[in-house]
C-alpha atoms as a PDB file:
ATOM      1  CA  MET A   1      72.521 109.899 129.067  1.00  0.00           C
ATOM      2  CA  ASP A   2      75.705 109.944 131.086  1.00  0.00           C
ATOM      3  CA  GLY A   3      78.069 112.786 130.263  1.00  0.00           C
ATOM      4  CA  THR A   4      81.367 113.511 128.738  1.00  0.00           C
ATOM      5  CA  ILE A   5      81.333 117.161 129.809  1.00  0.00           C
ATOM      6  CA  VAL A   6      83.913 117.992 132.475  1.00  0.00           C
ATOM      7  CA  GLU A   7      82.425 120.510 134.903  1.00  0.00           C
ATOM      8  CA  PRO A   8      83.151 121.619 138.494  1.00  0.00           C
ATOM      9  CA  VAL A   9      80.945 120.236 141.249  1.00  0.00           C
ATOM     10  CA  PRO A  10      78.088 122.635 141.972  1.00  0.00           C
ATOM     11  CA  VAL A  11      76.650 123.286 145.412  1.00  0.00           C
ATOM     12  CA  LEU A  12      72.905 122.838 145.075  1.00  0.00           C
ATOM     13  CA  ALA A  13      70.481 125.137 146.862  1.00  0.00           C
ATOM     14  CA  PRO A  14      67.488 123.657 148.723  1.00  0.00           C
ATOM     15  CA  VAL A  15      64.620 122.813 146.387  1.00  0.00           C
ATOM     16  CA  VAL A  16      61.555 125.044 146.751  1.00  0.00           C
ATOM     17  CA  ALA A  17      58.362 123.475 145.428  1.00  0.00           C
ATOM     18  CA  PRO A  18      56.169 125.684 143.227  1.00  0.00           C
ATOM     19  CA  VAL A  19      52.793 126.935 144.418  1.00  0.00           C
ATOM     20  CA  LEU A  20      50.222 124.376 143.276  1.00  0.00           C
ATOM     21  CA  THR A  21      47.835 126.267 141.030  1.00  0.00           C
ATOM     22  CA  PRO A  22      45.282 124.104 139.166  1.00  0.00           C
ATOM     23  CA  GLU A  23      47.657 124.029 136.191  1.00  0.00           C
ATOM     24  CA  LEU A  24      50.356 122.483 138.428  1.00  0.00           C
ATOM     25  CA  ALA A  25      48.185 119.910 140.206  1.00  0.00           C
ATOM     26  CA  PRO A  26      50.011 116.535 140.411  1.00  0.00           C
ATOM     27  CA  VAL A  27      49.222 113.880 137.818  1.00  0.00           C
ATOM     28  CA  VAL A  28      48.913 110.284 139.047  1.00  0.00           C
ATOM     29  CA  VAL A  29      50.794 107.813 136.841  1.00  0.00           C
ATOM     30  CA  LYS A  30      49.987 104.209 137.732  1.00  0.00           C
ATOM     31  CA  HIS A  31      51.877 102.469 134.929  1.00  0.00           C
ATOM     32  CA  PRO A  32      54.659 104.603 133.368  1.00  0.00           C
ATOM     33  CA  LEU A  33      56.459 103.326 130.308  1.00  0.00           C
ATOM     34  CA  SER A  34      59.551 101.273 131.014  1.00  0.00           C
ATOM     35  CA  GLY A  35      62.173  99.240 129.178  1.00  0.00           C
ATOM     36  CA  GLY A  36      61.606  98.863 125.446  1.00  0.00           C
ATOM     37  CA  ALA A  37      58.447 100.991 125.339  1.00  0.00           C
ATOM     38  CA  SER A  38      60.257 103.885 126.980  1.00  0.00           C
ATOM     39  CA  LEU A  39      63.186 103.500 124.590  1.00  0.00           C
ATOM     40  CA  ARG A  40      60.909 103.581 121.546  1.00  0.00           C
ATOM     41  CA  ALA A  41      59.226 106.726 122.823  1.00  0.00           C
ATOM     42  CA  ALA A  42      62.652 108.292 123.394  1.00  0.00           C
ATOM     43  CA  VAL A  43      63.633 107.573 119.781  1.00  0.00           C
ATOM     44  CA  ARG A  44      60.400 109.185 118.560  1.00  0.00           C
ATOM     45  CA  SER A  45      61.304 112.295 120.561  1.00  0.00           C
ATOM     46  CA  LEU A  46      64.147 112.935 118.102  1.00  0.00           C
ATOM     47  CA  ARG A  47      61.587 114.760 115.959  1.00  0.00           C
ATOM     48  CA  LYS A  48      61.541 117.618 118.477  1.00  0.00           C
ATOM     49  CA  ARG A  49      63.382 120.789 117.454  1.00  0.00           C
ATOM     50  CA  GLY A  50      65.192 121.192 120.772  1.00  0.00           C
ATOM     51  CA  LYS A  51      64.475 124.832 121.579  1.00  0.00           C
ATOM     52  CA  ALA A  52      64.319 125.982 125.211  1.00  0.00           C
ATOM     53  CA  ALA A  53      60.606 126.690 125.684  1.00  0.00           C
ATOM     54  CA  GLU A  54      59.022 126.380 129.141  1.00  0.00           C
ATOM     55  CA  LEU A  55      59.301 123.399 131.473  1.00  0.00           C
ATOM     56  CA  ASP A  56      56.063 121.718 132.500  1.00  0.00           C
ATOM     57  CA  GLN A  57      56.378 121.673 136.291  1.00  0.00           C
ATOM     58  CA  ARG A  58      53.401 119.448 137.004  1.00  0.00           C
ATOM     59  CA  ALA A  59      54.517 116.614 139.274  1.00  0.00           C
ATOM     60  CA  LEU A  60      54.014 113.019 138.185  1.00  0.00           C
ATOM     61  CA  VAL A  61      53.141 110.775 141.128  1.00  0.00           C
ATOM     62  CA  ARG A  62      53.154 107.018 141.767  1.00  0.00           C
ATOM     63  CA  PRO A  63      51.355 106.514 145.095  1.00  0.00           C
ATOM     64  CA  GLY A  64      51.881 103.451 147.275  1.00  0.00           C
ATOM     65  CA  LEU A  65      55.045 102.186 145.560  1.00  0.00           C
ATOM     66  CA  VAL A  66      56.334  99.218 147.579  1.00  0.00           C
ATOM     67  CA  LEU A  67      60.062  98.646 148.160  1.00  0.00           C
ATOM     68  CA  GLU A  68      60.059  94.970 147.230  1.00  0.00           C
ATOM     69  CA  ALA A  69      62.691  92.624 148.666  1.00  0.00           C
ATOM     70  CA  ARG A  70      63.287  90.884 145.322  1.00  0.00           C
ATOM     71  CA  GLN A  71      64.021  94.152 143.500  1.00  0.00           C
ATOM     72  CA  ILE A  72      66.184  95.411 146.355  1.00  0.00           C
ATOM     73  CA  ALA A  73      68.267  92.220 146.277  1.00  0.00           C
ATOM     74  CA  ALA A  74      68.755  92.348 142.488  1.00  0.00           C
ATOM     75  CA  TYR A  75      69.767  96.017 142.591  1.00  0.00           C
ATOM     76  CA  ALA A  76      72.077  95.527 145.579  1.00  0.00           C
ATOM     77  CA  LYS A  77      73.832  92.633 143.851  1.00  0.00           C
ATOM     78  CA  ILE A  78      74.608  94.478 140.614  1.00  0.00           C
ATOM     79  CA  CYS A  79      75.745  97.627 142.484  1.00  0.00           C
ATOM     80  CA  GLY A  80      77.791  95.932 145.215  1.00  0.00           C
ATOM     81  CA  PHE A  81      75.666  96.709 148.292  1.00  0.00           C
ATOM     82  CA  SER A  82      75.686  94.089 151.049  1.00  0.00           C
ATOM     83  CA  ASP A  83      72.645  92.635 152.804  1.00  0.00           C
ATOM     84  CA  ARG A  84      73.811  94.359 155.985  1.00  0.00           C
ATOM     85  CA  GLN A  85      73.337  97.775 154.373  1.00  0.00           C
ATOM     86  CA  GLY A  86      69.595  97.256 153.946  1.00  0.00           C
ATOM     87  CA  VAL A  87      67.798  99.288 151.273  1.00  0.00           C
ATOM     88  CA  PRO A  88      70.564 100.802 149.101  1.00  0.00           C
ATOM     89  CA  PHE A  89      70.826 104.570 149.407  1.00  0.00           C
ATOM     90  CA  THR A  90      70.468 104.980 145.626  1.00  0.00           C
ATOM     91  CA  PHE A  91      67.633 102.438 145.188  1.00  0.00           C
ATOM     92  CA  PRO A  92      64.747 104.963 145.237  1.00  0.00           C
ATOM     93  CA  HIS A  93      66.335 106.749 142.279  1.00  0.00           C
ATOM     94  CA  MET A  94      65.805 103.583 140.243  1.00  0.00           C
ATOM     95  CA  ARG A  95      62.158 103.410 141.321  1.00  0.00           C
ATOM     96  CA  ALA A  96      61.682 107.073 140.363  1.00  0.00           C
ATOM     97  CA  PHE A  97      63.426 106.697 136.993  1.00  0.00           C
ATOM     98  CA  PRO A  98      60.282 105.694 135.003  1.00  0.00           C
ATOM     99  CA  LEU A  99      58.618 108.898 136.197  1.00  0.00           C
ATOM    100  CA  GLN A 100      61.682 110.912 135.153  1.00  0.00           C
ATOM    101  CA  MET A 101      61.391 109.445 131.679  1.00  0.00           C
ATOM    102  CA  ALA A 102      57.644 110.108 131.639  1.00  0.00           C
ATOM    103  CA  ALA A 103      58.245 113.768 132.530  1.00  0.00           C
ATOM    104  CA  MET A 104      60.771 114.166 129.712  1.00  0.00           C
ATOM    105  CA  LEU A 105      58.652 112.243 127.189  1.00  0.00           C
ATOM    106  CA  ARG A 106      55.634 114.523 127.515  1.00  0.00           C
ATOM    107  CA  THR A 107      54.751 116.172 124.222  1.00  0.00           C
ATOM    108  CA  ASN A 108      55.415 119.649 125.643  1.00  0.00           C
ATOM    109  CA  PHE A 109      58.938 118.806 126.820  1.00  0.00           C
ATOM    110  CA  PRO A 110      61.176 120.880 124.544  1.00  0.00           C
ATOM    111  CA  PHE A 111      64.083 118.502 123.867  1.00  0.00           C
ATOM    112  CA  PRO A 112      64.645 115.024 122.478  1.00  0.00           C
ATOM    113  CA  VAL A 113      65.469 112.621 125.291  1.00  0.00           C
ATOM    114  CA  VAL A 114      68.102 110.877 123.199  1.00  0.00           C
ATOM    115  CA  GLY A 115      71.399 112.753 123.483  1.00  0.00           C
ATOM    116  CA  LEU A 116      70.777 114.436 126.824  1.00  0.00           C
ATOM    117  CA  VAL A 117      73.904 114.562 128.991  1.00  0.00           C
ATOM    118  CA  HIS A 118      73.566 113.709 132.686  1.00  0.00           C
ATOM    119  CA  LEU A 119      75.727 116.356 134.365  1.00  0.00           C
ATOM    120  CA  ASP A 120      75.220 115.624 138.047  1.00  0.00           C
ATOM    121  CA  ASN A 121      73.059 114.035 140.738  1.00  0.00           C
ATOM    122  CA  GLU A 122      72.481 114.791 144.405  1.00  0.00           C
ATOM    123  CA  ILE A 123      70.628 112.439 146.773  1.00  0.00           C
ATOM    124  CA  ARG A 124      69.470 113.201 150.318  1.00  0.00           C
ATOM    125  CA  GLN A 125      67.981 110.600 152.637  1.00  0.00           C
ATOM    126  CA  HIS A 126      66.132 111.856 155.720  1.00  0.00           C
ATOM    127  CA  GLU A 127      64.907 108.658 157.402  1.00  0.00           C
ATOM    128  CA  ARG A 128      65.766 104.973 157.343  1.00  0.00           C
ATOM    129  CA  LEU A 129      64.163 102.949 154.548  1.00  0.00           C
ATOM    130  CA  ASP A 130      63.153  99.303 154.913  1.00  0.00           C
ATOM    131  CA  SER A 131      62.033  96.510 152.647  1.00  0.00           C
ATOM    132  CA  GLY A 132      58.246  96.557 152.445  1.00  0.00           C
ATOM    133  CA  ASP A 133      57.948 100.324 152.903  1.00  0.00           C
ATOM    134  CA  ARG A 134      55.148 101.887 150.885  1.00  0.00           C
ATOM    135  CA  LEU A 135      56.251 105.209 149.370  1.00  0.00           C
ATOM    136  CA  ASP A 136      54.544 107.938 147.399  1.00  0.00           C
ATOM    137  CA  VAL A 137      57.118 108.773 144.708  1.00  0.00           C
ATOM    138  CA  SER A 138      56.912 111.956 142.664  1.00  0.00           C
ATOM    139  CA  VAL A 139      58.988 113.609 139.952  1.00  0.00           C
ATOM    140  CA  ARG A 140      58.800 117.063 138.426  1.00  0.00           C
ATOM    141  CA  LEU A 141      60.930 119.199 136.165  1.00  0.00           C
ATOM    142  CA  GLY A 142      62.753 121.976 138.000  1.00  0.00           C
ATOM    143  CA  GLU A 143      64.460 124.988 136.448  1.00  0.00           C
ATOM    144  CA  PHE A 144      66.560 125.974 133.479  1.00  0.00           C
ATOM    145  CA  LEU A 145      70.266 126.640 134.037  1.00  0.00           C
ATOM    146  CA  ALA A 146      72.526 128.352 131.515  1.00  0.00           C
ATOM    147  CA  HIS A 147      75.507 126.175 130.590  1.00  0.00           C
ATOM    148  CA  ASP A 148      78.330 127.207 128.272  1.00  0.00           C
ATOM    149  CA  LYS A 149      77.687 124.074 126.173  1.00  0.00           C
ATOM    150  CA  GLY A 150      73.906 124.509 125.878  1.00  0.00           C
ATOM    151  CA  GLN A 151      70.728 124.389 127.971  1.00  0.00           C
ATOM    152  CA  ALA A 152      70.804 122.632 131.344  1.00  0.00           C
ATOM    153  CA  PHE A 153      67.754 121.833 133.475  1.00  0.00           C
ATOM    154  CA  THR A 154      66.964 120.010 136.707  1.00  0.00           C
ATOM    155  CA  VAL A 155      64.718 117.027 137.444  1.00  0.00           C
ATOM    156  CA  LEU A 156      63.506 116.622 141.033  1.00  0.00           C
ATOM    157  CA  ALA A 157      62.399 113.374 142.674  1.00  0.00           C
ATOM    158  CA  ARG A 158      60.821 112.868 146.107  1.00  0.00           C
ATOM    159  CA  ALA A 159      59.691 109.897 148.173  1.00  0.00           C
ATOM    160  CA  GLU A 160      57.251 110.309 151.038  1.00  0.00           C
ATOM    161  CA  ARG A 161      56.155 107.751 153.644  1.00  0.00           C
ATOM    162  CA  GLY A 162      52.979 108.538 155.500  1.00  0.00           C
ATOM    163  CA  GLY A 163      53.190 112.150 154.357  1.00  0.00           C
ATOM    164  CA  ARG A 164      56.792 112.580 155.567  1.00  0.00           C
ATOM    165  CA  LEU A 165      59.631 113.320 153.154  1.00  0.00           C
ATOM    166  CA  VAL A 166      62.136 110.460 153.529  1.00  0.00           C
ATOM    167  CA  TRP A 167      64.251 110.700 150.368  1.00  0.00           C
ATOM    168  CA  GLU A 168      64.880 113.188 147.544  1.00  0.00           C
ATOM    169  CA  SER A 169      67.175 113.744 144.605  1.00  0.00           C
ATOM    170  CA  THR A 170      68.096 116.396 142.057  1.00  0.00           C
ATOM    171  CA  SER A 171      69.554 115.518 138.667  1.00  0.00           C
ATOM    172  CA  THR A 172      70.876 118.051 136.181  1.00  0.00           C
ATOM    173  CA  TYR A 173      70.769 117.281 132.462  1.00  0.00           C
ATOM    174  CA  LEU A 174      72.180 119.166 129.481  1.00  0.00           C
ATOM    175  CA  ARG A 175      70.921 119.591 125.947  1.00  0.00           C
ATOM    176  CA  LEU A 176      74.012 120.378 123.905  1.00  0.00           C
ATOM    177  CA  GLY A 177      74.089 123.129 121.314  1.00  0.00           C
ATOM    178  CA  VAL A 178      71.184 125.315 122.485  1.00  0.00           C
ATOM    179  CA  ARG A 179      72.004 128.942 121.807  1.00  0.00           C
ATOM    180  CA  ALA A 180      71.236 131.673 124.356  1.00  0.00           C
ATOM    181  CA  PRO A 181      70.338 129.243 127.162  1.00  0.00           C
ATOM    182  CA  LYS A 182      67.919 130.364 129.861  1.00  0.00           C
ATOM    183  CA  GLY A 183      68.273 130.534 133.615  1.00  0.00           C
ATOM    184  CA  ALA A 184      70.938 131.267 136.174  1.00  0.00           C
ATOM    185  CA  PRO A 185      74.474 130.152 135.273  1.00  0.00           C
ATOM    186  CA  TYR A 186      75.260 126.524 135.969  1.00  0.00           C
ATOM    187  CA  ALA A 187      77.663 127.163 138.838  1.00  0.00           C
ATOM    188  CA  GLY A 188      80.086 124.809 140.494  1.00  0.00           C
ATOM    189  CA  LEU A 189      82.727 124.280 143.116  1.00  0.00           C
ATOM    190  CA  GLN A 190      86.134 124.342 141.479  1.00  0.00           C
ATOM    191  CA  ALA A 191      88.218 121.195 141.785  1.00  0.00           C
ATOM    192  CA  ASP A 192      91.043 121.706 144.249  1.00  0.00           C
ATOM    193  CA  GLU A 193      94.413 120.071 144.832  1.00  0.00           C
ATOM    194  CA  THR A 194      93.301 117.827 147.698  1.00  0.00           C
ATOM    195  CA  ARG A 195      95.434 114.676 147.816  1.00  0.00           C
ATOM    196  CA  LEU A 196      93.505 111.501 147.002  1.00  0.00           C
ATOM    197  CA  ALA A 197      94.526 107.945 147.881  1.00  0.00           C
ATOM    198  CA  THR A 198      93.539 104.838 145.939  1.00  0.00           C
ATOM    199  CA  VAL A 199      91.311 102.555 148.012  1.00  0.00           C
ATOM    200  CA  ARG A 200      89.772 100.135 145.491  1.00  0.00           C
ATOM    201  CA  LYS A 201      89.852  98.988 141.879  1.00  0.00           C
ATOM    202  CA  TRP A 202      87.107  97.215 139.934  1.00  0.00           C
ATOM    203  CA  ASP A 203      86.959  95.453 136.595  1.00  0.00           C
ATOM    204  CA  LEU A 204      83.908  96.310 134.469  1.00  0.00           C
ATOM    205  CA  ARG A 205      82.519  93.420 132.427  1.00  0.00           C
ATOM    206  CA  ALA A 206      81.389  93.940 128.847  1.00  0.00           C
ATOM    207  CA  ASP A 207      77.812  93.034 129.770  1.00  0.00           C
ATOM    208  CA  LEU A 208      77.576  95.405 132.767  1.00  0.00           C
ATOM    209  CA  GLY A 209      75.352  97.846 130.896  1.00  0.00           C
ATOM    210  CA  LYS A 210      72.902  95.113 129.899  1.00  0.00           C
ATOM    211  CA  ARG A 211      72.797  93.640 133.400  1.00  0.00           C
ATOM    212  CA  TYR A 212      72.212  97.019 135.053  1.00  0.00           C
ATOM    213  CA  ALA A 213      69.574  97.914 132.436  1.00  0.00           C
ATOM    214  CA  ALA A 214      67.703  94.685 133.222  1.00  0.00           C
ATOM    215  CA  VAL A 215      67.489  95.733 136.881  1.00  0.00           C
ATOM    216  CA  SER A 216      67.083  99.507 136.582  1.00  0.00           C
ATOM    217  CA  GLY A 217      64.946  99.866 133.464  1.00  0.00           C
ATOM    218  CA  ASP A 218      67.430 102.339 131.925  1.00  0.00           C
ATOM    219  CA  SER A 219      67.833 100.678 128.532  1.00  0.00           C
ATOM    220  CA  ASN A 220      69.598 103.530 126.755  1.00  0.00           C
ATOM    221  CA  PRO A 221      71.524 101.776 123.929  1.00  0.00           C
ATOM    222  CA  ILE A 222      74.599 103.870 124.687  1.00  0.00           C
ATOM    223  CA  HIS A 223      75.028 101.478 127.643  1.00  0.00           C
ATOM    224  CA  THR A 224      73.784  98.214 126.149  1.00  0.00           C
ATOM    225  CA  SER A 225      74.740  98.084 122.474  1.00  0.00           C
ATOM    226  CA  GLY A 226      77.966  98.538 120.549  1.00  0.00           C
ATOM    227  CA  LEU A 227      76.029  99.811 117.550  1.00  0.00           C
ATOM    228  CA  GLY A 228      73.901 102.125 119.699  1.00  0.00           C
ATOM    229  CA  ALA A 229      77.017 103.540 121.331  1.00  0.00           C
ATOM    230  CA  ARG A 230      78.682 104.165 117.977  1.00  0.00           C
ATOM    231  CA  LEU A 231      75.569 105.902 116.603  1.00  0.00           C
ATOM    232  CA  LEU A 232      75.794 108.291 119.567  1.00  0.00           C
ATOM    233  CA  GLY A 233      79.492 108.960 119.105  1.00  0.00           C
ATOM    234  CA  PHE A 234      81.193 106.409 121.390  1.00  0.00           C
ATOM    235  CA  ALA A 235      83.568 103.651 120.362  1.00  0.00           C
ATOM    236  CA  ARG A 236      82.068 101.162 122.851  1.00  0.00           C
ATOM    237  CA  PRO A 237      79.164 101.010 125.307  1.00  0.00           C
ATOM    238  CA  ILE A 238      79.675 103.029 128.479  1.00  0.00           C
ATOM    239  CA  ALA A 239      78.715 102.279 132.073  1.00  0.00           C
ATOM    240  CA  HIS A 240      75.614 103.942 133.492  1.00  0.00           C
ATOM    241  CA  GLY A 241      76.586 106.976 135.553  1.00  0.00           C
ATOM    242  CA  MET A 242      74.121 106.050 138.294  1.00  0.00           C
ATOM    243  CA  TRP A 243      75.615 102.552 138.485  1.00  0.00           C
ATOM    244  CA  SER A 244      79.044 104.159 138.967  1.00  0.00           C
ATOM    245  CA  LYS A 245      77.678 106.370 141.735  1.00  0.00           C
ATOM    246  CA  ALA A 246      75.966 103.435 143.424  1.00  0.00           C
ATOM    247  CA  ARG A 247      79.080 101.255 143.233  1.00  0.00           C
ATOM    248  CA  VAL A 248      81.197 103.934 144.895  1.00  0.00           C
ATOM    249  CA  LEU A 249      78.655 104.547 147.664  1.00  0.00           C
ATOM    250  CA  ALA A 250      78.227 100.825 148.309  1.00  0.00           C
ATOM    251  CA  HIS A 251      81.925 100.813 149.206  1.00  0.00           C
ATOM    252  CA  LEU A 252      81.981 104.063 151.193  1.00  0.00           C
ATOM    253  CA  LEU A 253      78.758 103.834 153.212  1.00  0.00           C
ATOM    254  CA  PRO A 254      78.622 102.010 156.569  1.00  0.00           C
ATOM    255  CA  GLN A 255      77.884  98.290 156.605  1.00  0.00           C
ATOM    256  CA  GLU A 256      74.510  98.911 158.251  1.00  0.00           C
ATOM    257  CA  PRO A 257      71.265 100.666 157.306  1.00  0.00           C
ATOM    258  CA  ILE A 258      71.576 104.443 157.307  1.00  0.00           C
ATOM    259  CA  GLU A 259      69.198 107.010 158.763  1.00  0.00           C
ATOM    260  CA  ARG A 260      70.466 110.127 156.978  1.00  0.00           C
ATOM    261  CA  ALA A 261      72.976 110.807 154.237  1.00  0.00           C
ATOM    262  CA  ARG A 262      73.758 113.179 151.387  1.00  0.00           C
ATOM    263  CA  ALA A 263      75.804 112.318 148.323  1.00  0.00           C
ATOM    264  CA  TYR A 264      76.597 114.515 145.345  1.00  0.00           C
ATOM    265  CA  VAL A 265      78.407 113.507 142.164  1.00  0.00           C
ATOM    266  CA  ALA A 266      79.371 115.345 139.001  1.00  0.00           C
ATOM    267  CA  PHE A 267      79.716 113.027 136.014  1.00  0.00           C
ATOM    268  CA  LYS A 268      82.887 113.637 134.052  1.00  0.00           C
ATOM    269  CA  THR A 269      84.093 111.268 131.327  1.00  0.00           C
ATOM    270  CA  PRO A 270      82.556 107.933 130.271  1.00  0.00           C
ATOM    271  CA  ALA A 271      83.767 104.582 131.606  1.00  0.00           C
ATOM    272  CA  PHE A 272      83.956 102.226 128.628  1.00  0.00           C
ATOM    273  CA  LEU A 273      82.851  98.591 128.721  1.00  0.00           C
ATOM    274  CA  PRO A 274      84.715  96.372 129.166  1.00  0.00           C
ATOM    275  CA  GLY A 275      87.230  98.271 131.261  1.00  0.00           C
ATOM    276  CA  GLY A 276      88.430  99.066 134.730  1.00  0.00           C
ATOM    277  CA  VAL A 277      88.045 101.855 137.282  1.00  0.00           C
ATOM    278  CA  SER A 278      89.841 103.087 140.390  1.00  0.00           C
ATOM    279  CA  LEU A 279      88.258 104.650 143.470  1.00  0.00           C
ATOM    280  CA  LEU A 280      90.270 107.419 145.140  1.00  0.00           C
ATOM    281  CA  VAL A 281      89.339 109.102 148.417  1.00  0.00           C
ATOM    282  CA  ALA A 282      90.725 112.105 150.285  1.00  0.00           C
ATOM    283  CA  PRO A 283      91.971 110.775 153.648  1.00  0.00           C
ATOM    284  CA  GLN A 284      90.088 112.134 156.678  1.00  0.00           C
ATOM    285  CA  SER A 285      88.031 114.531 154.564  1.00  0.00           C
ATOM    286  CA  ALA A 286      84.670 115.757 155.850  1.00  0.00           C
ATOM    287  CA  PRO A 287      82.504 115.475 153.903  1.00  0.00           C
ATOM    288  CA  VAL A 288      84.225 112.555 152.191  1.00  0.00           C
ATOM    289  CA  LEU A 289      85.689 113.664 148.866  1.00  0.00           C
ATOM    290  CA  PHE A 290      86.080 110.949 146.236  1.00  0.00           C
ATOM    291  CA  GLU A 291      86.786 110.376 142.566  1.00  0.00           C
ATOM    292  CA  LEU A 292      86.230 107.422 140.287  1.00  0.00           C
ATOM    293  CA  ARG A 293      88.974 107.342 137.658  1.00  0.00           C
ATOM    294  CA  ASP A 294      90.110 105.030 134.897  1.00  0.00           C
ATOM    295  CA  ARG A 295      92.341 102.046 135.578  1.00  0.00           C
ATOM    296  CA  ARG A 296      95.493 104.178 135.240  1.00  0.00           C
ATOM    297  CA  GLU A 297      94.031 106.852 137.536  1.00  0.00           C
ATOM    298  CA  GLN A 298      94.493 109.584 134.952  1.00  0.00           C
ATOM    299  CA  LYS A 299      90.951 110.284 133.707  1.00  0.00           C
ATOM    300  CA  PRO A 300      88.104 111.166 136.120  1.00  0.00           C
ATOM    301  CA  HIS A 301      84.743 109.472 135.495  1.00  0.00           C
ATOM    302  CA  LEU A 302      83.010 111.149 138.414  1.00  0.00           C
ATOM    303  CA  ARG A 303      83.833 113.356 141.376  1.00  0.00           C
ATOM    304  CA  GLY A 304      81.717 113.790 144.466  1.00  0.00           C
ATOM    305  CA  THR A 305      81.159 114.168 148.185  1.00  0.00           C
ATOM    306  CA  LEU A 306      79.442 112.050 150.835  1.00  0.00           C
ATOM    307  CA  GLU A 307      78.051 113.054 154.230  1.00  0.00           C
ATOM    308  CA  VAL A 308      76.588 110.490 156.648  1.00  0.00           C
END
């Protein structure tokens, strides 16, 4: 679900939770679909007509979700985080992902899940996270945004520890081709002419999508299968956008556990597998401005900012 739409980086407003009427009371989900079962449900969603109805804003909640050392280590390894960095900044997004899929696979969700474009993602961490922490993770659909390519909408994730908000994220997705989209315009910060310097290059193995899917549970065939990618309009599988974000942040974040941070990325063009990418950073920028481009540094795959 990672995008090929080139858009400016939006500045996201603080999320305001809806008033919890009985119709919006949270729904506890102990065992959300994952892996193959989630993929099969996503394929079945293709029968939906794709009109912008209303978004079901009931939160889906997984209480007492433990940050397990084994899962942390596997995720850190595939994304390039070191042991010294502790729980990776992006790790809770992976734990919330099954709930995101569950929210978008509900029968009253208006669009097929297959073909959605992931436009952007913002993550905020408010307190240090540690292996063994027990979190209450929740996800809900946010608001419609009008995009010139179709209907955009937000998905909100939160993690609480002992009733305190410790981590949150906002992802924006796009359903292409919807006429007369609802909501406020999808706004963004225009790209400027800030000079960027190359700081790192990485080779992307052909099996990266499969290896990340095995850890994250995001088994979208656009990332794991040549045939699946071609059926969705791509010559080869493409890297997961959230892997790309994690790999960049693993390099840019301090080599120690963090207390607070904010990172925003806008996904631009796909990074094909196998392939190569280049990380460019604006020297002495605050917040840190970065881009992940192709091997020749001509095509942007993502653009974002980091504050620690």
